[in-house]
């Protein structure tokens, strides 16, 4: 199993190394300032549940139902009703840039009370508001969950997460998104700030649009671009042309390690200084077994419990690899694979290499 994981890791690294030199479109490297999503949130009720809704302990769902019925001309006392087919939910959605009224977007509904399952429920009309407190969309429709609960009492089975569901295209936009319209002067925000990449973007844009003053790097994360006279009255076409300019992005040498899952991701530029690695394992196992000493019938003896302690020591044979001058991450992984190292062994070795100063890259543990 470990050898299979390491083989897959080697394949990923070889694929990344062979494709890392390929140029990337600016559309994949930057985003235009002001062209962004906006988060929406709302509070609503899901009805039609088969007895899996909020219980009496969740009093605010009954108050919400009472308020809704009051607006419809029905007066009830919230302390005298018990509706288990209803659940209070929080709604979240993303408002795309330049979204226009009438457009449909997806909505996520999550139970906020003690409802056990939202499957089969219907979301009632709910306003979705932005960070400025204004209503941008209204949501309503059937809730689709990716899980379910089967059985009852102590004999039940839960699959996935039935208290969170989605309402596909369940919200209708009522107000245009607060996006900044494109102009002849735009600012490009790098997804990963880097001085080298910013300088290459400036050079590529100036070369593509035939001028030395078209693009200017403000810092490692922002590049300002002024439209040439040809695109002075066509800002949308100008942005489309910018998106298709290709640039060789520079990536820092970094090793990312996830100790919980044993995942290791390393870039092609990671270099290993000349080093010798001696790796082995020492296992000490101590076991205690309890035996019962039972006296003969009609004797005066007493039953006693006697512990039997056993100690076992196992030391694996040390395995050694040597990395020469100019060794890369590919050489390291191949060598560690050859001596049968597991992903967790590689994580420990990488951490030791970093402490020893032999790993010429940033080591990030997540």
Protein backbone atom coordinates (compact mmCIF):
# COMPACT_ATOMS: atom_id res chain seq x y z
CA UNK A 1 0.00 0.00 0.00
CA UNK A 2 2.79 2.44 0.94
CA UNK A 3 4.73 1.55 -2.20
CA UNK A 4 1.64 2.27 -4.28
CA UNK A 5 1.23 5.69 -2.62
CA UNK A 6 4.88 6.52 -3.25
CA UNK A 7 4.59 5.41 -6.88
CA UNK A 8 1.65 7.76 -7.36
CA UNK A 9 3.64 10.56 -5.68
CA UNK A 10 6.56 10.01 -8.07
CA UNK A 11 4.19 10.10 -11.05
CA UNK A 12 2.64 13.37 -9.88
CA UNK A 13 6.07 14.94 -9.40
CA UNK A 14 7.28 13.81 -12.83
CA UNK A 15 4.11 15.15 -14.47
CA UNK A 16 4.45 18.47 -12.65
CA UNK A 17 8.10 18.77 -13.60
CA UNK A 18 7.37 18.14 -17.29
CA UNK A 19 4.54 20.69 -17.40
CA UNK A 20 5.86 23.38 -15.04
CA UNK A 21 7.63 25.26 -17.82
CA UNK A 22 4.43 25.71 -19.82
CA UNK A 23 3.09 29.25 -20.10
CA UNK A 24 -0.10 30.19 -18.29
CA UNK A 25 -2.81 32.62 -19.31
CA UNK A 26 -3.25 35.73 -17.24
CA UNK A 27 -6.84 34.59 -16.68
CA UNK A 28 -5.42 31.81 -14.49
CA UNK A 29 -2.86 34.00 -12.71
CA UNK A 30 -4.70 37.22 -11.87
CA UNK A 31 -8.11 38.65 -11.13
CA UNK A 32 -9.40 42.09 -12.09
CA UNK A 33 -9.89 44.46 -9.18
CA UNK A 34 -13.61 45.01 -8.58
CA UNK A 35 -14.68 41.88 -10.50
CA UNK A 36 -15.47 39.58 -7.58
CA UNK A 37 -18.18 37.50 -5.96
CA UNK A 38 -20.24 38.81 -3.07
CA UNK A 39 -21.49 36.63 -0.23
CA UNK A 40 -25.17 36.54 0.68
CA UNK A 41 -26.81 35.21 3.83
CA UNK A 42 -30.37 34.75 5.07
CA UNK A 43 -32.53 33.06 7.70
CA UNK A 44 -35.49 30.94 6.65
CA UNK A 45 -37.73 27.96 7.31
CA UNK A 46 -37.80 24.54 5.67
CA UNK A 47 -41.18 22.80 5.87
CA UNK A 48 -42.53 19.42 4.80
CA UNK A 49 -40.11 17.30 6.80
CA UNK A 50 -41.25 13.85 7.91
CA UNK A 51 -40.99 14.46 11.64
CA UNK A 52 -37.25 15.21 11.45
CA UNK A 53 -37.52 18.96 12.09
CA UNK A 54 -36.80 21.06 15.16
CA UNK A 55 -37.98 19.88 18.56
CA UNK A 56 -39.57 21.97 21.30
CA UNK A 57 -36.14 22.93 22.67
CA UNK A 58 -35.52 25.07 19.57
CA UNK A 59 -37.94 27.84 20.48
CA UNK A 60 -36.88 30.37 17.81
CA UNK A 61 -38.21 28.19 14.97
CA UNK A 62 -41.68 28.27 16.55
CA UNK A 63 -41.41 32.05 16.91
CA UNK A 64 -40.42 32.34 13.25
CA UNK A 65 -43.42 30.25 12.19
CA UNK A 66 -45.70 32.34 14.40
CA UNK A 67 -44.45 35.57 12.86
CA UNK A 68 -44.94 34.19 9.36
CA UNK A 69 -48.47 33.01 10.10
CA UNK A 70 -49.30 36.39 11.67
CA UNK A 71 -48.34 38.15 8.44
CA UNK A 72 -50.73 35.78 6.65
CA UNK A 73 -53.60 36.68 9.00
CA UNK A 74 -53.40 33.66 11.31
CA UNK A 75 -52.87 34.33 15.02
CA UNK A 76 -51.29 31.55 17.11
CA UNK A 77 -49.42 31.33 20.39
CA UNK A 78 -45.79 30.19 19.88
CA UNK A 79 -45.80 28.40 23.26
CA UNK A 80 -48.78 26.25 22.31
CA UNK A 81 -47.61 24.82 18.99
CA UNK A 82 -45.33 21.86 18.28
CA UNK A 83 -44.45 21.43 14.63
CA UNK A 84 -41.84 18.76 13.98
CA UNK A 85 -42.09 19.00 10.20
CA UNK A 86 -40.31 22.36 10.14
CA UNK A 87 -36.69 23.41 10.65
CA UNK A 88 -34.97 26.77 10.95
CA UNK A 89 -32.06 27.11 8.51
CA UNK A 90 -29.35 29.57 7.58
CA UNK A 91 -28.93 30.21 3.87
CA UNK A 92 -25.72 31.14 2.09
CA UNK A 93 -25.04 31.95 -1.54
CA UNK A 94 -22.46 33.65 -3.76
CA UNK A 95 -23.56 36.56 -5.94
CA UNK A 96 -21.50 36.49 -9.17
CA UNK A 97 -19.99 39.70 -10.52
CA UNK A 98 -22.27 41.71 -12.85
CA UNK A 99 -25.22 39.41 -11.99
CA UNK A 100 -28.44 40.86 -13.35
CA UNK A 101 -32.00 40.68 -11.94
CA UNK A 102 -33.79 37.52 -12.97
CA UNK A 103 -30.69 35.32 -12.92
CA UNK A 104 -30.85 32.13 -10.83
CA UNK A 105 -28.12 31.08 -8.39
CA UNK A 106 -27.66 28.06 -6.10
CA UNK A 107 -28.33 28.30 -2.37
CA UNK A 108 -26.99 26.21 0.54
CA UNK A 109 -29.28 25.56 3.52
CA UNK A 110 -27.92 24.44 6.90
CA UNK A 111 -30.00 23.59 9.98
CA UNK A 112 -29.42 25.85 12.99
CA UNK A 113 -31.64 23.98 15.45
CA UNK A 114 -31.82 20.31 16.44
CA UNK A 115 -33.40 19.05 13.21
CA UNK A 116 -31.98 15.66 12.24
CA UNK A 117 -32.71 15.59 8.50
CA UNK A 118 -33.64 18.19 5.85
CA UNK A 119 -34.38 15.59 3.19
CA UNK A 120 -37.64 16.18 1.34
CA UNK A 121 -38.15 19.67 2.76
CA UNK A 122 -39.15 22.83 0.91
CA UNK A 123 -37.57 26.19 1.63
CA UNK A 124 -40.07 29.02 2.04
CA UNK A 125 -39.45 32.43 0.50
CA UNK A 126 -36.39 33.98 2.17
CA UNK A 127 -34.49 37.19 1.51
CA UNK A 128 -30.75 36.96 0.97
CA UNK A 129 -28.78 40.01 2.06
CA UNK A 130 -25.25 41.20 1.44
CA UNK A 131 -22.73 42.71 3.83
CA UNK A 132 -24.32 46.14 3.35
CA UNK A 133 -27.68 44.88 4.66
CA UNK A 134 -29.46 45.18 1.31
CA UNK A 135 -31.50 42.37 -0.24
CA UNK A 136 -29.97 41.09 -3.48
CA UNK A 137 -31.86 37.82 -3.99
CA UNK A 138 -34.90 35.84 -2.84
CA UNK A 139 -34.69 32.07 -2.36
CA UNK A 140 -37.38 29.38 -2.39
CA UNK A 141 -37.65 25.77 -3.51
CA UNK A 142 -37.06 22.09 -2.61
CA UNK A 143 -33.96 21.19 -0.61
CA UNK A 144 -31.72 18.44 -1.95
CA UNK A 145 -29.44 16.67 0.53
CA UNK A 146 -26.55 14.32 -0.14
CA UNK A 147 -27.24 12.13 2.89
CA UNK A 148 -29.97 10.42 4.86
CA UNK A 149 -30.80 8.86 8.22
CA UNK A 150 -32.23 5.33 8.33
CA UNK A 151 -33.69 3.53 11.34
CA UNK A 152 -34.70 4.98 14.68
CA UNK A 153 -33.74 4.90 18.34
CA UNK A 154 -30.42 3.26 19.06
CA UNK A 155 -30.47 1.32 15.77
CA UNK A 156 -29.94 3.95 13.09
CA UNK A 157 -27.48 4.73 10.35
CA UNK A 158 -26.49 8.19 9.09
CA UNK A 159 -24.95 8.62 5.64
CA UNK A 160 -23.06 11.83 4.76
CA UNK A 161 -24.50 15.04 6.25
CA UNK A 162 -28.32 15.21 6.09
CA UNK A 163 -28.60 18.53 7.99
CA UNK A 164 -27.08 20.51 5.09
CA UNK A 165 -28.65 20.69 1.65
CA UNK A 166 -28.75 22.74 -1.53
CA UNK A 167 -31.50 24.45 -3.44
CA UNK A 168 -30.33 24.25 -7.07
CA UNK A 169 -30.99 27.57 -8.81
CA UNK A 170 -33.31 28.30 -5.90
CA UNK A 171 -32.58 32.03 -5.61
CA UNK A 172 -33.61 34.74 -8.05
CA UNK A 173 -31.48 37.87 -8.14
CA UNK A 174 -33.57 40.98 -7.47
CA UNK A 175 -30.82 43.63 -7.50
CA UNK A 176 -27.68 43.96 -9.67
CA UNK A 177 -24.42 42.97 -8.05
CA UNK A 178 -22.25 45.83 -6.71
CA UNK A 179 -19.48 45.26 -9.25
CA UNK A 180 -17.14 47.91 -10.61
CA UNK A 181 -17.68 48.34 -14.37
CA UNK A 182 -14.57 47.87 -16.54
CA UNK A 183 -12.72 50.99 -17.61
CA UNK A 184 -9.64 51.79 -19.67
CA UNK A 185 -7.49 51.56 -16.54
CA UNK A 186 -7.61 48.25 -14.72
CA UNK A 187 -5.67 46.73 -11.85
CA UNK A 188 -4.67 43.08 -11.98
CA UNK A 189 -4.37 41.29 -8.64
CA UNK A 190 -2.03 38.29 -8.60
CA UNK A 191 -3.45 35.19 -6.97
CA UNK A 192 0.00 34.49 -5.50
CA UNK A 193 2.10 37.59 -4.97
CA UNK A 194 5.57 37.37 -6.47
CA UNK A 195 7.92 40.09 -7.72
CA UNK A 196 9.31 37.96 -10.55
CA UNK A 197 5.88 37.02 -11.85
CA UNK A 198 4.68 40.64 -11.62
CA UNK A 199 7.69 41.81 -13.65
CA UNK A 200 7.07 39.13 -16.28
CA UNK A 201 3.41 40.16 -16.54
CA UNK A 202 4.43 43.77 -17.15
CA UNK A 203 6.91 42.73 -19.85
CA UNK A 204 4.37 40.45 -21.56
CA UNK A 205 1.62 43.11 -21.59
CA UNK A 206 3.91 45.84 -22.90
CA UNK A 207 5.09 43.51 -25.65
CA UNK A 208 1.56 42.40 -26.59
CA UNK A 209 0.10 45.91 -26.81
CA UNK A 210 3.16 47.57 -28.35
CA UNK A 211 4.19 50.08 -25.73
CA UNK A 212 6.41 50.60 -22.72
CA UNK A 213 3.84 52.42 -20.62
CA UNK A 214 0.86 50.10 -20.99
CA UNK A 215 1.52 48.11 -17.81
CA UNK A 216 3.24 49.05 -14.56
CA UNK A 217 3.81 46.94 -11.45
CA UNK A 218 2.65 48.69 -8.29
CA UNK A 219 4.11 45.96 -6.08
CA UNK A 220 4.44 42.18 -6.03
CA UNK A 221 0.64 41.70 -6.00
CA UNK A 222 -0.83 44.47 -8.21
CA UNK A 223 -0.19 45.42 -11.84
CA UNK A 224 -1.85 48.53 -13.32
CA UNK A 225 -2.73 48.40 -17.02
CA UNK A 226 -3.79 51.38 -19.18
CA UNK A 227 -5.64 50.65 -22.40
CA UNK A 228 -3.87 51.75 -25.60
CA UNK A 229 -5.76 54.08 -27.99
CA UNK A 230 -7.02 51.11 -30.01
CA UNK A 231 -9.05 49.89 -27.02
CA UNK A 232 -9.95 53.29 -25.56
CA UNK A 233 -13.67 52.79 -26.19
CA UNK A 234 -13.71 48.98 -25.87
CA UNK A 235 -12.86 48.09 -22.25
CA UNK A 236 -14.48 44.65 -22.41
CA UNK A 237 -12.49 43.64 -25.49
CA UNK A 238 -9.38 45.03 -23.77
CA UNK A 239 -9.92 42.79 -20.74
CA UNK A 240 -10.52 39.80 -23.01
CA UNK A 241 -7.21 40.48 -24.76
CA UNK A 242 -5.41 40.79 -21.41
CA UNK A 243 -6.79 37.45 -20.19
CA UNK A 244 -5.30 35.59 -23.15
CA UNK A 245 -1.75 36.92 -22.74
CA UNK A 246 0.55 34.09 -21.65
CA UNK A 247 3.24 34.40 -18.97
CA UNK A 248 5.77 32.02 -17.43
CA UNK A 249 4.83 32.24 -13.75
CA UNK A 250 7.62 31.88 -11.22
CA UNK A 251 6.91 29.50 -8.35
CA UNK A 252 8.83 29.51 -5.06
CA UNK A 253 10.52 26.33 -3.94
CA UNK A 254 8.17 24.91 -1.33
CA UNK A 255 7.36 21.56 0.22
CA UNK A 256 3.87 21.19 1.71
CA UNK A 257 3.32 18.37 4.18
CA UNK A 258 0.06 17.15 5.72
CA UNK A 259 0.99 14.90 8.62
CA UNK A 260 -2.62 13.86 9.26
CA UNK A 261 -3.07 12.26 5.84
CA UNK A 262 0.55 11.55 4.94
CA UNK A 263 0.36 13.77 1.84
CA UNK A 264 3.47 15.46 0.44
CA UNK A 265 3.50 17.98 -2.42
CA UNK A 266 6.82 19.28 -3.72
CA UNK A 267 7.60 21.64 -6.58
CA UNK A 268 10.07 20.96 -9.33
CA UNK A 269 12.54 23.63 -8.12
CA UNK A 270 13.19 21.95 -4.78
CA UNK A 271 16.88 21.10 -4.55
CA UNK A 272 18.66 18.86 -2.06
CA UNK A 273 22.20 19.65 -0.92
CA UNK A 274 24.75 16.79 -0.87
CA UNK A 275 23.72 14.68 2.11
CA UNK A 276 23.73 11.12 3.38
CA UNK A 277 20.55 9.79 5.01
CA UNK A 278 20.66 6.85 7.41
CA UNK A 279 17.16 5.65 8.19
CA UNK A 280 16.12 2.75 10.36
CA UNK A 281 13.51 1.80 12.91
CA UNK A 282 13.54 0.54 16.49
CA UNK A 283 10.33 -0.99 17.86
CA UNK A 284 9.87 -1.89 21.52
CA UNK A 285 6.68 -3.79 22.35
CA UNK A 286 5.61 -4.51 25.91
CA UNK A 287 2.63 -6.81 26.51
CA UNK A 288 0.98 -7.74 29.79
CA UNK A 289 -1.23 -10.83 30.03
CA UNK A 290 -3.23 -11.66 33.13
CA UNK A 291 -3.60 -15.35 34.15
CA UNK A 292 -6.00 -16.60 36.79
CA UNK A 293 -4.71 -19.05 39.44
CA UNK A 294 -7.67 -21.15 40.61
CA UNK A 295 -7.20 -23.28 43.83
CA UNK A 296 -8.37 -26.89 44.06
CA UNK A 297 -11.94 -27.56 45.26
CA UNK A 298 -12.50 -27.51 49.07
CA UNK A 299 -9.00 -26.11 49.63
CA UNK A 300 -8.18 -23.06 51.69
CA UNK A 301 -6.53 -21.25 48.77
CA UNK A 302 -7.85 -18.06 47.09
CA UNK A 303 -8.23 -17.18 43.46
CA UNK A 304 -5.49 -14.78 42.37
CA UNK A 305 -4.66 -12.90 39.18
CA UNK A 306 -1.02 -13.06 38.12
CA UNK A 307 0.35 -10.64 35.50
CA UNK A 308 2.73 -12.07 32.88
CA UNK A 309 4.87 -9.32 31.35
CA UNK A 310 6.65 -9.89 28.05
CA UNK A 311 9.04 -7.51 26.34
CA UNK A 312 9.87 -7.75 22.66
CA UNK A 313 12.45 -5.62 20.87
CA UNK A 314 12.73 -5.37 17.11
CA UNK A 315 15.26 -3.21 15.33
CA UNK A 316 15.10 -2.84 11.56
CA UNK A 317 18.27 -2.81 9.55
CA UNK A 318 19.39 0.74 8.82
CA UNK A 319 18.90 1.88 5.22
CA UNK A 320 21.18 4.41 3.65
CA UNK A 321 20.87 6.70 0.62
CA UNK A 322 23.35 9.23 -0.69
CA UNK A 323 22.34 12.33 -2.66
CA UNK A 324 25.03 13.97 -4.75
CA UNK A 325 25.50 17.56 -5.86
CA UNK A 326 22.52 18.92 -7.83
CA UNK A 327 20.06 16.30 -6.61
CA UNK A 328 16.43 17.20 -7.16
CA UNK A 329 13.20 16.21 -5.51
CA UNK A 330 12.74 13.50 -8.12
CA UNK A 331 16.04 11.93 -7.09
CA UNK A 332 15.05 12.12 -3.43
CA UNK A 333 11.67 10.45 -3.90
CA UNK A 334 13.10 7.74 -6.12
CA UNK A 335 15.80 6.99 -3.58
CA UNK A 336 13.38 6.90 -0.65
CA UNK A 337 11.05 4.66 -2.64
CA UNK A 338 13.88 2.28 -3.37
CA UNK A 339 14.60 1.71 0.34
CA UNK A 340 10.91 1.16 1.12
CA UNK A 341 10.16 4.38 2.99
CA UNK A 342 6.54 5.15 3.79
CA UNK A 343 5.01 8.63 3.32
CA UNK A 344 5.36 9.31 7.04
CA UNK A 345 9.03 8.29 6.87
CA UNK A 346 9.52 10.82 4.08
CA UNK A 347 7.84 13.53 6.18
CA UNK A 348 10.24 12.86 9.05
CA UNK A 349 13.23 12.83 6.69
CA UNK A 350 12.18 16.13 5.08
CA UNK A 351 11.85 17.78 8.47
CA UNK A 352 15.32 16.57 9.43
CA UNK A 353 16.75 17.76 6.12
CA UNK A 354 15.27 21.21 6.73
CA UNK A 355 16.82 21.38 10.21
CA UNK A 356 20.16 20.24 8.80
CA UNK A 357 20.02 22.95 6.12
CA UNK A 358 20.10 20.45 3.26
CA UNK A 359 16.58 21.17 1.97
CA UNK A 360 16.73 24.30 -0.17
CA UNK A 361 13.03 25.06 0.04
CA UNK A 362 10.38 26.32 2.41
CA UNK A 363 8.81 23.51 4.43
CA UNK A 364 5.15 24.15 5.29
CA UNK A 365 3.29 21.73 7.56
CA UNK A 366 -0.50 21.94 7.46
